[in-house]
C-alpha atoms as a PDB file:
ATOM      1  CA  UNK A   1      -5.548 -37.498  -9.619  1.00  0.00           C
ATOM      2  CA  UNK A   2      -7.037 -34.187 -10.742  1.00  0.00           C
ATOM      3  CA  UNK A   3      -4.781 -31.383  -9.520  1.00  0.00           C
ATOM      4  CA  UNK A   4      -7.809 -29.159  -8.973  1.00  0.00           C
ATOM      5  CA  UNK A   5      -9.130 -31.588  -6.378  1.00  0.00           C
ATOM      6  CA  UNK A   6      -6.434 -31.609  -3.712  1.00  0.00           C
ATOM      7  CA  UNK A   7      -9.210 -32.501  -1.287  1.00  0.00           C
ATOM      8  CA  UNK A   8      -9.467 -35.978  -2.844  1.00  0.00           C
ATOM      9  CA  UNK A   9      -5.894 -36.795  -1.787  1.00  0.00           C
ATOM     10  CA  UNK A  10      -6.592 -35.524   1.712  1.00  0.00           C
ATOM     11  CA  UNK A  11      -9.851 -37.474   1.956  1.00  0.00           C
ATOM     12  CA  UNK A  12      -7.963 -40.609   0.916  1.00  0.00           C
ATOM     13  CA  UNK A  13      -5.482 -39.951   3.744  1.00  0.00           C
ATOM     14  CA  UNK A  14      -8.351 -39.939   6.284  1.00  0.00           C
ATOM     15  CA  UNK A  15      -9.724 -43.321   5.199  1.00  0.00           C
ATOM     16  CA  UNK A  16      -8.564 -46.458   6.987  1.00  0.00           C
ATOM     17  CA  UNK A  17      -7.279 -49.489   5.123  1.00  0.00           C
ATOM     18  CA  UNK A  18      -9.739 -52.110   3.855  1.00  0.00           C
ATOM     19  CA  UNK A  19     -12.959 -50.576   5.189  1.00  0.00           C
ATOM     20  CA  UNK A  20     -16.441 -50.412   3.595  1.00  0.00           C
ATOM     21  CA  UNK A  21     -17.168 -46.966   2.167  1.00  0.00           C
ATOM     22  CA  UNK A  22     -20.060 -45.248   0.418  1.00  0.00           C
ATOM     23  CA  UNK A  23     -19.130 -42.292  -1.795  1.00  0.00           C
ATOM     24  CA  UNK A  24     -22.222 -40.092  -2.160  1.00  0.00           C
ATOM     25  CA  UNK A  25     -22.111 -38.000  -5.320  1.00  0.00           C
ATOM     26  CA  UNK A  26     -19.216 -40.099  -6.596  1.00  0.00           C
ATOM     27  CA  UNK A  27     -19.050 -38.436 -10.025  1.00  0.00           C
ATOM     28  CA  UNK A  28     -16.898 -40.364 -12.477  1.00  0.00           C
ATOM     29  CA  UNK A  29     -15.353 -42.463  -9.707  1.00  0.00           C
ATOM     30  CA  UNK A  30     -12.085 -40.586  -9.277  1.00  0.00           C
ATOM     31  CA  UNK A  31     -12.147 -40.810  -5.473  1.00  0.00           C
ATOM     32  CA  UNK A  32     -13.478 -44.373  -5.460  1.00  0.00           C
ATOM     33  CA  UNK A  33     -10.602 -45.424  -7.728  1.00  0.00           C
ATOM     34  CA  UNK A  34      -8.046 -43.726  -5.488  1.00  0.00           C
ATOM     35  CA  UNK A  35      -9.467 -45.392  -2.378  1.00  0.00           C
ATOM     36  CA  UNK A  36      -9.536 -48.769  -4.074  1.00  0.00           C
ATOM     37  CA  UNK A  37      -5.935 -48.439  -5.301  1.00  0.00           C
ATOM     38  CA  UNK A  38      -4.384 -46.872  -2.198  1.00  0.00           C
ATOM     39  CA  UNK A  39      -6.518 -48.149   0.687  1.00  0.00           C
ATOM     40  CA  UNK A  40      -7.976 -51.403  -0.666  1.00  0.00           C
ATOM     41  CA  UNK A  41     -11.479 -50.340   0.366  1.00  0.00           C
ATOM     42  CA  UNK A  42     -14.729 -52.094  -0.475  1.00  0.00           C
ATOM     43  CA  UNK A  43     -16.342 -49.096  -2.119  1.00  0.00           C
ATOM     44  CA  UNK A  44     -19.740 -48.243  -3.516  1.00  0.00           C
ATOM     45  CA  UNK A  45     -20.821 -45.031  -5.218  1.00  0.00           C
ATOM     46  CA  UNK A  46     -24.148 -43.206  -5.359  1.00  0.00           C
ATOM     47  CA  UNK A  47     -24.448 -40.743  -8.236  1.00  0.00           C
ATOM     48  CA  UNK A  48     -27.314 -38.664  -9.629  1.00  0.00           C
ATOM     49  CA  UNK A  49     -26.209 -38.691 -13.286  1.00  0.00           C
ATOM     50  CA  UNK A  50     -26.450 -42.006 -15.123  1.00  0.00           C
ATOM     51  CA  UNK A  51     -23.635 -41.026 -17.482  1.00  0.00           C
ATOM     52  CA  UNK A  52     -21.233 -40.775 -14.551  1.00  0.00           C
ATOM     53  CA  UNK A  53     -22.478 -44.055 -13.106  1.00  0.00           C
ATOM     54  CA  UNK A  54     -21.635 -45.638 -16.458  1.00  0.00           C
ATOM     55  CA  UNK A  55     -18.130 -44.146 -16.268  1.00  0.00           C
ATOM     56  CA  UNK A  56     -17.648 -45.721 -12.837  1.00  0.00           C
ATOM     57  CA  UNK A  57     -18.883 -49.116 -13.995  1.00  0.00           C
ATOM     58  CA  UNK A  58     -16.631 -48.991 -17.068  1.00  0.00           C
ATOM     59  CA  UNK A  59     -13.674 -48.670 -14.664  1.00  0.00           C
ATOM     60  CA  UNK A  60     -14.811 -51.728 -12.719  1.00  0.00           C
ATOM     61  CA  UNK A  61     -16.186 -49.682  -9.821  1.00  0.00           C
ATOM     62  CA  UNK A  62     -19.459 -50.370  -8.029  1.00  0.00           C
ATOM     63  CA  UNK A  63     -21.897 -47.469  -8.438  1.00  0.00           C
ATOM     64  CA  UNK A  64     -25.639 -46.977  -8.692  1.00  0.00           C
ATOM     65  CA  UNK A  65     -27.821 -44.129  -9.892  1.00  0.00           C
ATOM     66  CA  UNK A  66     -29.584 -42.320  -7.057  1.00  0.00           C
ATOM     67  CA  UNK A  67     -30.406 -39.017  -5.424  1.00  0.00           C
ATOM     68  CA  UNK A  68     -28.800 -38.185  -2.073  1.00  0.00           C
ATOM     69  CA  UNK A  69     -31.832 -36.143  -1.011  1.00  0.00           C
ATOM     70  CA  UNK A  70     -34.247 -39.055  -1.380  1.00  0.00           C
ATOM     71  CA  UNK A  71     -32.268 -42.300  -1.464  1.00  0.00           C
ATOM     72  CA  UNK A  72     -29.983 -42.213   1.601  1.00  0.00           C
ATOM     73  CA  UNK A  73     -32.955 -43.186   3.764  1.00  0.00           C
ATOM     74  CA  UNK A  74     -32.954 -46.588   2.008  1.00  0.00           C
ATOM     75  CA  UNK A  75     -29.614 -47.582   3.564  1.00  0.00           C
ATOM     76  CA  UNK A  76     -29.630 -49.430   6.928  1.00  0.00           C
ATOM     77  CA  UNK A  77     -28.050 -47.940  10.044  1.00  0.00           C
ATOM     78  CA  UNK A  78     -24.252 -48.346  10.254  1.00  0.00           C
ATOM     79  CA  UNK A  79     -24.145 -50.190   6.937  1.00  0.00           C
ATOM     80  CA  UNK A  80     -20.766 -48.642   6.043  1.00  0.00           C
ATOM     81  CA  UNK A  81     -17.623 -47.909   8.018  1.00  0.00           C
ATOM     82  CA  UNK A  82     -17.354 -44.497   6.375  1.00  0.00           C
ATOM     83  CA  UNK A  83     -19.626 -42.388   4.170  1.00  0.00           C
ATOM     84  CA  UNK A  84     -18.038 -39.658   2.046  1.00  0.00           C
ATOM     85  CA  UNK A  85     -19.719 -36.539   0.683  1.00  0.00           C
ATOM     86  CA  UNK A  86     -17.172 -34.507  -1.260  1.00  0.00           C
ATOM     87  CA  UNK A  87     -18.032 -30.978  -2.445  1.00  0.00           C
ATOM     88  CA  UNK A  88     -21.699 -31.952  -2.699  1.00  0.00           C
ATOM     89  CA  UNK A  89     -23.630 -30.976   0.441  1.00  0.00           C
ATOM     90  CA  UNK A  90     -24.100 -27.394  -0.787  1.00  0.00           C
ATOM     91  CA  UNK A  91     -25.845 -28.741  -3.906  1.00  0.00           C
ATOM     92  CA  UNK A  92     -28.435 -30.778  -1.984  1.00  0.00           C
ATOM     93  CA  UNK A  93     -31.984 -29.657  -1.164  1.00  0.00           C
ATOM     94  CA  UNK A  94     -31.788 -30.438   2.556  1.00  0.00           C
ATOM     95  CA  UNK A  95     -28.203 -30.351   3.880  1.00  0.00           C
ATOM     96  CA  UNK A  96     -29.301 -30.775   7.495  1.00  0.00           C
ATOM     97  CA  UNK A  97     -31.135 -34.012   6.727  1.00  0.00           C
ATOM     98  CA  UNK A  98     -28.242 -35.211   4.545  1.00  0.00           C
ATOM     99  CA  UNK A  99     -25.829 -34.738   7.448  1.00  0.00           C
ATOM    100  CA  UNK A 100     -28.103 -36.705   9.784  1.00  0.00           C
ATOM    101  CA  UNK A 101     -28.294 -39.528   7.221  1.00  0.00           C
ATOM    102  CA  UNK A 102     -24.514 -39.638   6.691  1.00  0.00           C
ATOM    103  CA  UNK A 103     -23.737 -40.292  10.359  1.00  0.00           C
ATOM    104  CA  UNK A 104     -26.626 -42.762  10.598  1.00  0.00           C
ATOM    105  CA  UNK A 105     -25.447 -44.849   7.636  1.00  0.00           C
ATOM    106  CA  UNK A 106     -21.732 -44.678   8.434  1.00  0.00           C
ATOM    107  CA  UNK A 107     -19.791 -45.256  11.627  1.00  0.00           C
ATOM    108  CA  UNK A 108     -17.941 -42.141  10.491  1.00  0.00           C
ATOM    109  CA  UNK A 109     -18.417 -39.647   7.677  1.00  0.00           C
ATOM    110  CA  UNK A 110     -16.129 -37.351   5.727  1.00  0.00           C
ATOM    111  CA  UNK A 111     -17.610 -34.136   4.340  1.00  0.00           C
ATOM    112  CA  UNK A 112     -15.755 -31.529   2.278  1.00  0.00           C
ATOM    113  CA  UNK A 113     -17.191 -28.084   1.572  1.00  0.00           C
ATOM    114  CA  UNK A 114     -16.191 -24.904  -0.253  1.00  0.00           C
ATOM    115  CA  UNK A 115     -16.003 -22.040   2.263  1.00  0.00           C
ATOM    116  CA  UNK A 116     -18.262 -19.088   1.505  1.00  0.00           C
ATOM    117  CA  UNK A 117     -16.604 -17.246   4.415  1.00  0.00           C
ATOM    118  CA  UNK A 118     -13.215 -17.158   2.595  1.00  0.00           C
ATOM    119  CA  UNK A 119     -11.782 -13.620   2.550  1.00  0.00           C
ATOM    120  CA  UNK A 120     -11.699 -13.338  -1.257  1.00  0.00           C
ATOM    121  CA  UNK A 121     -15.401 -14.201  -1.392  1.00  0.00           C
ATOM    122  CA  UNK A 122     -16.155 -11.555   1.249  1.00  0.00           C
ATOM    123  CA  UNK A 123     -13.982  -8.961  -0.493  1.00  0.00           C
ATOM    124  CA  UNK A 124     -15.490  -9.696  -3.904  1.00  0.00           C
ATOM    125  CA  UNK A 125     -19.011  -9.279  -2.595  1.00  0.00           C
ATOM    126  CA  UNK A 126     -18.154  -6.140  -0.608  1.00  0.00           C
ATOM    127  CA  UNK A 127     -16.294  -4.547  -3.527  1.00  0.00           C
ATOM    128  CA  UNK A 128     -18.571  -5.335  -6.455  1.00  0.00           C
ATOM    129  CA  UNK A 129     -21.894  -6.068  -4.737  1.00  0.00           C
ATOM    130  CA  UNK A 130     -22.339  -9.175  -6.894  1.00  0.00           C
ATOM    131  CA  UNK A 131     -22.115 -12.888  -6.177  1.00  0.00           C
ATOM    132  CA  UNK A 132     -18.372 -13.595  -6.232  1.00  0.00           C
ATOM    133  CA  UNK A 133     -16.627 -16.080  -8.511  1.00  0.00           C
ATOM    134  CA  UNK A 134     -13.523 -17.815  -7.172  1.00  0.00           C
ATOM    135  CA  UNK A 135     -11.509 -20.926  -8.007  1.00  0.00           C
ATOM    136  CA  UNK A 136     -13.659 -23.034  -5.660  1.00  0.00           C
ATOM    137  CA  UNK A 137     -16.954 -21.248  -6.430  1.00  0.00           C
ATOM    138  CA  UNK A 138     -16.503 -20.882 -10.157  1.00  0.00           C
ATOM    139  CA  UNK A 139     -20.075 -20.663 -11.494  1.00  0.00           C
ATOM    140  CA  UNK A 140     -22.237 -17.641 -12.123  1.00  0.00           C
ATOM    141  CA  UNK A 141     -25.159 -17.214  -9.722  1.00  0.00           C
ATOM    142  CA  UNK A 142     -27.648 -18.295 -12.409  1.00  0.00           C
ATOM    143  CA  UNK A 143     -25.984 -21.563 -13.416  1.00  0.00           C
ATOM    144  CA  UNK A 144     -24.428 -22.738 -10.153  1.00  0.00           C
ATOM    145  CA  UNK A 145     -25.377 -26.159  -8.743  1.00  0.00           C
ATOM    146  CA  UNK A 146     -24.743 -24.708  -5.270  1.00  0.00           C
ATOM    147  CA  UNK A 147     -28.064 -23.873  -3.633  1.00  0.00           C
ATOM    148  CA  UNK A 148     -27.038 -23.864   0.048  1.00  0.00           C
ATOM    149  CA  UNK A 149     -23.687 -22.113   0.342  1.00  0.00           C
ATOM    150  CA  UNK A 150     -22.204 -22.128   3.825  1.00  0.00           C
ATOM    151  CA  UNK A 151     -19.058 -21.134   5.649  1.00  0.00           C
ATOM    152  CA  UNK A 152     -16.802 -23.303   7.785  1.00  0.00           C
ATOM    153  CA  UNK A 153     -18.397 -21.794  10.909  1.00  0.00           C
ATOM    154  CA  UNK A 154     -21.896 -22.511   9.574  1.00  0.00           C
ATOM    155  CA  UNK A 155     -20.980 -26.178   9.166  1.00  0.00           C
ATOM    156  CA  UNK A 156     -19.422 -26.351  12.648  1.00  0.00           C
ATOM    157  CA  UNK A 157     -22.553 -24.755  14.126  1.00  0.00           C
ATOM    158  CA  UNK A 158     -24.817 -27.272  12.364  1.00  0.00           C
ATOM    159  CA  UNK A 159     -22.758 -30.200  13.686  1.00  0.00           C
ATOM    160  CA  UNK A 160     -23.039 -28.732  17.178  1.00  0.00           C
ATOM    161  CA  UNK A 161     -26.810 -28.332  16.796  1.00  0.00           C
ATOM    162  CA  UNK A 162     -27.147 -31.972  15.692  1.00  0.00           C
ATOM    163  CA  UNK A 163     -24.758 -33.288  18.394  1.00  0.00           C
ATOM    164  CA  UNK A 164     -22.418 -34.569  15.695  1.00  0.00           C
ATOM    165  CA  UNK A 165     -18.801 -34.850  16.840  1.00  0.00           C
ATOM    166  CA  UNK A 166     -16.088 -33.328  14.650  1.00  0.00           C
ATOM    167  CA  UNK A 167     -13.062 -35.584  15.141  1.00  0.00           C
ATOM    168  CA  UNK A 168     -10.733 -33.839  12.710  1.00  0.00           C
ATOM    169  CA  UNK A 169     -10.742 -30.875  10.323  1.00  0.00           C
ATOM    170  CA  UNK A 170      -8.388 -30.154   7.435  1.00  0.00           C
ATOM    171  CA  UNK A 171      -8.527 -26.597   6.070  1.00  0.00           C
ATOM    172  CA  UNK A 172      -7.184 -25.863   2.578  1.00  0.00           C
ATOM    173  CA  UNK A 173      -5.977 -22.474   1.370  1.00  0.00           C
ATOM    174  CA  UNK A 174      -4.112 -22.114  -1.936  1.00  0.00           C
ATOM    175  CA  UNK A 175      -1.600 -24.968  -1.734  1.00  0.00           C
ATOM    176  CA  UNK A 176      -1.431 -24.998   2.069  1.00  0.00           C
ATOM    177  CA  UNK A 177      -3.288 -27.256   4.481  1.00  0.00           C
ATOM    178  CA  UNK A 178      -3.764 -27.051   8.222  1.00  0.00           C
ATOM    179  CA  UNK A 179      -5.121 -29.870  10.371  1.00  0.00           C
ATOM    180  CA  UNK A 180      -7.063 -29.576  13.604  1.00  0.00           C
ATOM    181  CA  UNK A 181      -8.093 -32.208  16.125  1.00  0.00           C
ATOM    182  CA  UNK A 182     -11.771 -31.410  16.450  1.00  0.00           C
ATOM    183  CA  UNK A 183     -13.212 -28.135  15.156  1.00  0.00           C
ATOM    184  CA  UNK A 184     -11.004 -25.594  13.355  1.00  0.00           C
ATOM    185  CA  UNK A 185     -10.093 -22.160  14.674  1.00  0.00           C
ATOM    186  CA  UNK A 186     -12.319 -19.196  13.836  1.00  0.00           C
ATOM    187  CA  UNK A 187      -9.516 -17.786  11.686  1.00  0.00           C
ATOM    188  CA  UNK A 188      -9.856 -20.758   9.335  1.00  0.00           C
ATOM    189  CA  UNK A 189     -13.248 -19.385   8.331  1.00  0.00           C
ATOM    190  CA  UNK A 190     -11.481 -16.282   7.004  1.00  0.00           C
ATOM    191  CA  UNK A 191      -8.412 -17.844   5.387  1.00  0.00           C
ATOM    192  CA  UNK A 192      -9.654 -21.292   4.277  1.00  0.00           C
ATOM    193  CA  UNK A 193     -10.943 -21.851   0.735  1.00  0.00           C
ATOM    194  CA  UNK A 194     -12.416 -25.220   1.657  1.00  0.00           C
ATOM    195  CA  UNK A 195     -12.511 -27.659   4.535  1.00  0.00           C
ATOM    196  CA  UNK A 196     -12.726 -31.401   5.112  1.00  0.00           C
ATOM    197  CA  UNK A 197     -14.439 -32.704   8.243  1.00  0.00           C
ATOM    198  CA  UNK A 198     -14.197 -36.177   9.771  1.00  0.00           C
ATOM    199  CA  UNK A 199     -17.379 -36.568  11.799  1.00  0.00           C
ATOM    200  CA  UNK A 200     -19.405 -39.170  13.707  1.00  0.00           C
ATOM    201  CA  UNK A 201     -22.536 -39.453  15.811  1.00  0.00           C
END
């Protein structure tokens, strides 16, 4: 698995054996393949770019072309055991609606986000007065797919507003991880580069 995506290994660890999963924004199927190999899941992917859908299908994975912003509403309530949205919510047009759809479609959902509250991001902006570039936020402001950047605390606040329960949080910083039952500590918003949330309605 791609060493730059440690979160994929951690997401795999949160998924139960043999369940039905939907991977929203599945890319080339890297996570789907891992879940199939390690957890024997019945997986399906939803991906915006047809080229990546083709890559999934060529690996024997089930994936369809679709847009998370418009197509999640087509799925019935509780049609999957778990819905996964990995490093994608910040690139959607309506993150709030996406979050509502995830916990409607899945009995549980796993969401991973880059943390815009990370201290290096804050320091970079304070020092240079320009949009910071880090390992996790590596694009320039003019070519980034990220249109709704948020911090760990922003995400926790949105879950609270929507009455979505955070069952578990894993915070990643450099090569270290820290797990929390429920919401993470406020310090994680300063030291965490990204976070993975296990949530449900």
